[in-house]
Structures are given as structure tokens and as C-alpha cells.
Amino acid sequence: MAYDEELAERIRALLPQDAAVSEQAMFGGLAFLVGGNMALAASGQGGLLVRVDPSELEELSATTAAVPMEMRGRPMRGWLRLGAVDVATMRQLSRWVDLGVRYASTLPTKT
């Protein structure tokens, strides 16, 4: 399954418009990077992947529709997955884009 191109366009509309933001095809999806660090992605399996502060992971997964992301059956620390229905509106999506961009911005820049 290819990533949701409409979701990718909606993400683009919410991202800061500066040189630190880039895109890269990864794992069948489209990743959005801030300073070379992956912040979020339109998943190739559908929905959205969001990078968050690992210390917030438990609370976010307990209080929202987000679930911890797994890759090959292993949990990915600091990553959440949301279904397309959970980011159907710009208001819903905006919260997650902000979280992903904010956390990725705290990480050392990659070249």
C-alpha cells in the first residue's frame, strides 16, 4: 500500500516553511524531517507516524487514539501511530504535526 498523498499534502500545509524541513521516501511512506531528524510520516500502511518525546509516550497513548508504533513486532521508543480517521480534520492533524516538529527540533541536527 502506498502512502496517502492527500494526507501528505495536508501535513505539508502545516509544516514550518523553512530550509530545516525536508521530505524523504522511507519504508513505503513519506517521511518529513526537521534538521535531518524524522518528525512524522504519512505511513505506507495508512495513517500517520509521529515522533514524540519518549517521556510523553505513555500518557499520549493512554489519553488519545494514538498507539505505540511497532516495527517487525518490536515497539519503537518515541513513536506513535494514528489511523487515518484519527487525523481526518486539520485540527486533529495539526496537534500531531506540532508535537512531531517540536520534538524533532530538540534533536541535534543531522547533515
C-alpha atoms as a PDB file:
ATOM      1  CA  MET A   1       0.000   0.000   0.000  1.00  0.00           C
ATOM      2  CA  ALA A   2       1.350   3.430  -0.934  1.00  0.00           C
ATOM      3  CA  TYR A   3       1.112   6.333   1.487  1.00  0.00           C
ATOM      4  CA  ASP A   4      -1.911   8.634   1.446  1.00  0.00           C
ATOM      5  CA  GLU A   5      -0.902  11.519  -0.832  1.00  0.00           C
ATOM      6  CA  GLU A   6      -3.772  13.695   0.393  1.00  0.00           C
ATOM      7  CA  LEU A   7      -2.524  13.251   3.972  1.00  0.00           C
ATOM      8  CA  ALA A   8       0.998  14.170   2.849  1.00  0.00           C
ATOM      9  CA  GLU A   9      -0.338  17.399   1.292  1.00  0.00           C
ATOM     10  CA  ARG A  10      -2.189  18.247   4.499  1.00  0.00           C
ATOM     11  CA  ILE A  11       0.994  17.661   6.514  1.00  0.00           C
ATOM     12  CA  ARG A  12       2.972  19.929   4.137  1.00  0.00           C
ATOM     13  CA  ALA A  13       0.445  22.701   4.689  1.00  0.00           C
ATOM     14  CA  LEU A  14       1.059  22.553   8.446  1.00  0.00           C
ATOM     15  CA  LEU A  15       4.855  22.321   8.448  1.00  0.00           C
ATOM     16  CA  PRO A  16       7.087  25.334   9.055  1.00  0.00           C
ATOM     17  CA  GLN A  17       8.207  26.860   5.771  1.00  0.00           C
ATOM     18  CA  ASP A  18      11.965  26.835   6.292  1.00  0.00           C
ATOM     19  CA  ALA A  19      15.063  25.108   4.994  1.00  0.00           C
ATOM     20  CA  ALA A  20      15.259  22.781   8.014  1.00  0.00           C
ATOM     21  CA  VAL A  21      12.216  20.817   6.766  1.00  0.00           C
ATOM     22  CA  SER A  22      12.675  18.128   4.138  1.00  0.00           C
ATOM     23  CA  GLU A  23      10.935  15.028   2.811  1.00  0.00           C
ATOM     24  CA  GLN A  24      12.220  11.541   2.121  1.00  0.00           C
ATOM     25  CA  ALA A  25      10.560   8.376   0.893  1.00  0.00           C
ATOM     26  CA  MET A  26      11.016   5.657   3.529  1.00  0.00           C
ATOM     27  CA  PHE A  27       9.531   2.217   4.098  1.00  0.00           C
ATOM     28  CA  GLY A  28       6.737   2.748   1.572  1.00  0.00           C
ATOM     29  CA  GLY A  29       5.735   6.044   3.188  1.00  0.00           C
ATOM     30  CA  LEU A  30       6.782   9.665   3.044  1.00  0.00           C
ATOM     31  CA  ALA A  31       8.820  10.958   5.991  1.00  0.00           C
ATOM     32  CA  PHE A  32       9.017  14.602   6.988  1.00  0.00           C
ATOM     33  CA  LEU A  33      12.310  15.575   8.592  1.00  0.00           C
ATOM     34  CA  VAL A  34      13.290  18.586  10.673  1.00  0.00           C
ATOM     35  CA  GLY A  35      17.006  19.242  10.808  1.00  0.00           C
ATOM     36  CA  GLY A  36      17.551  15.809   9.296  1.00  0.00           C
ATOM     37  CA  ASN A  37      15.575  14.084  12.065  1.00  0.00           C
ATOM     38  CA  MET A  38      12.375  12.280  11.179  1.00  0.00           C
ATOM     39  CA  ALA A  39       9.425  14.084  12.800  1.00  0.00           C
ATOM     40  CA  LEU A  40       6.456  12.327  11.203  1.00  0.00           C
ATOM     41  CA  ALA A  41       5.396  10.322   8.214  1.00  0.00           C
ATOM     42  CA  ALA A  42       2.453   9.517   6.031  1.00  0.00           C
ATOM     43  CA  SER A  43       2.689   5.787   6.592  1.00  0.00           C
ATOM     44  CA  GLY A  44       2.832   3.281   3.776  1.00  0.00           C
ATOM     45  CA  GLN A  45       0.434   1.207   5.896  1.00  0.00           C
ATOM     46  CA  GLY A  46      -2.002   4.099   6.170  1.00  0.00           C
ATOM     47  CA  GLY A  47      -2.361   6.792   8.767  1.00  0.00           C
ATOM     48  CA  LEU A  48       0.291   8.863  10.454  1.00  0.00           C
ATOM     49  CA  LEU A  49       3.507   8.095  12.327  1.00  0.00           C
ATOM     50  CA  VAL A  50       4.595  10.731  14.841  1.00  0.00           C
ATOM     51  CA  ARG A  51       7.849  11.083  16.733  1.00  0.00           C
ATOM     52  CA  VAL A  52       7.317  12.301  20.288  1.00  0.00           C
ATOM     53  CA  ASP A  53       9.365  12.754  23.412  1.00  0.00           C
ATOM     54  CA  PRO A  54       9.704   9.204  24.807  1.00  0.00           C
ATOM     55  CA  SER A  55       8.737  10.527  28.251  1.00  0.00           C
ATOM     56  CA  GLU A  56       5.318  11.548  26.817  1.00  0.00           C
ATOM     57  CA  LEU A  57       4.653   8.267  25.005  1.00  0.00           C
ATOM     58  CA  GLU A  58       2.751   6.521  27.785  1.00  0.00           C
ATOM     59  CA  GLU A  59       0.497   9.481  28.554  1.00  0.00           C
ATOM     60  CA  LEU A  60      -0.268  10.180  24.886  1.00  0.00           C
ATOM     61  CA  SER A  61      -1.100   6.566  24.148  1.00  0.00           C
ATOM     62  CA  ALA A  62      -3.332   6.411  27.251  1.00  0.00           C
ATOM     63  CA  THR A  63      -5.227   9.649  26.572  1.00  0.00           C
ATOM     64  CA  THR A  64      -5.542   9.713  22.770  1.00  0.00           C
ATOM     65  CA  ALA A  65      -6.269   7.334  19.910  1.00  0.00           C
ATOM     66  CA  ALA A  66      -2.513   7.006  19.258  1.00  0.00           C
ATOM     67  CA  VAL A  67      -0.846   3.647  19.826  1.00  0.00           C
ATOM     68  CA  PRO A  68       2.848   2.889  20.203  1.00  0.00           C
ATOM     69  CA  MET A  69       4.408   2.138  16.828  1.00  0.00           C
ATOM     70  CA  GLU A  70       5.826  -1.320  16.228  1.00  0.00           C
ATOM     71  CA  MET A  71       8.287  -2.397  13.592  1.00  0.00           C
ATOM     72  CA  ARG A  72       8.710  -6.119  12.986  1.00  0.00           C
ATOM     73  CA  GLY A  73       6.842  -6.804  16.222  1.00  0.00           C
ATOM     74  CA  ARG A  74       9.081  -4.573  18.346  1.00  0.00           C
ATOM     75  CA  PRO A  75       7.917  -1.303  19.916  1.00  0.00           C
ATOM     76  CA  MET A  76       9.697   1.788  18.612  1.00  0.00           C
ATOM     77  CA  ARG A  77      10.509   4.039  21.552  1.00  0.00           C
ATOM     78  CA  GLY A  78       9.221   7.574  20.986  1.00  0.00           C
ATOM     79  CA  TRP A  79       6.959   6.766  18.034  1.00  0.00           C
ATOM     80  CA  LEU A  80       3.169   6.721  17.826  1.00  0.00           C
ATOM     81  CA  ARG A  81       0.805   5.531  15.103  1.00  0.00           C
ATOM     82  CA  LEU A  82      -2.568   7.093  14.343  1.00  0.00           C
ATOM     83  CA  GLY A  83      -5.179   5.803  11.957  1.00  0.00           C
ATOM     84  CA  ALA A  84      -6.423   7.986   9.109  1.00  0.00           C
ATOM     85  CA  VAL A  85      -9.713   8.542  10.933  1.00  0.00           C
ATOM     86  CA  ASP A  86      -7.792   9.998  13.898  1.00  0.00           C
ATOM     87  CA  VAL A  87      -6.242  12.739  11.726  1.00  0.00           C
ATOM     88  CA  ALA A  88      -9.181  13.319   9.396  1.00  0.00           C
ATOM     89  CA  THR A  89      -9.520  17.025  10.180  1.00  0.00           C
ATOM     90  CA  MET A  90      -6.851  19.718  10.000  1.00  0.00           C
ATOM     91  CA  ARG A  91      -7.398  20.413  13.694  1.00  0.00           C
ATOM     92  CA  GLN A  92      -6.701  16.782  14.602  1.00  0.00           C
ATOM     93  CA  LEU A  93      -3.683  16.599  12.313  1.00  0.00           C
ATOM     94  CA  SER A  94      -2.280  19.944  13.461  1.00  0.00           C
ATOM     95  CA  ARG A  95      -1.826  18.729  17.028  1.00  0.00           C
ATOM     96  CA  TRP A  96       0.276  15.770  15.916  1.00  0.00           C
ATOM     97  CA  VAL A  97       2.316  17.739  13.379  1.00  0.00           C
ATOM     98  CA  ASP A  98       3.125  20.260  16.111  1.00  0.00           C
ATOM     99  CA  LEU A  99       4.200  17.500  18.511  1.00  0.00           C
ATOM    100  CA  GLY A 100       6.409  15.797  15.927  1.00  0.00           C
ATOM    101  CA  VAL A 101       8.048  19.005  14.726  1.00  0.00           C
ATOM    102  CA  ARG A 102       8.590  20.268  18.267  1.00  0.00           C
ATOM    103  CA  TYR A 103      10.334  17.084  19.392  1.00  0.00           C
ATOM    104  CA  ALA A 104      12.433  16.656  16.232  1.00  0.00           C
ATOM    105  CA  SER A 105      13.552  20.280  16.639  1.00  0.00           C
ATOM    106  CA  THR A 106      15.105  19.436  20.007  1.00  0.00           C
ATOM    107  CA  LEU A 107      17.398  16.793  18.499  1.00  0.00           C
ATOM    108  CA  PRO A 108      20.895  17.507  17.191  1.00  0.00           C
ATOM    109  CA  THR A 109      20.845  18.480  13.517  1.00  0.00           C
ATOM    110  CA  LYS A 110      21.976  15.757  11.122  1.00  0.00           C
ATOM    111  CA  THR A 111      23.858  16.588   7.956  1.00  0.00           C
END
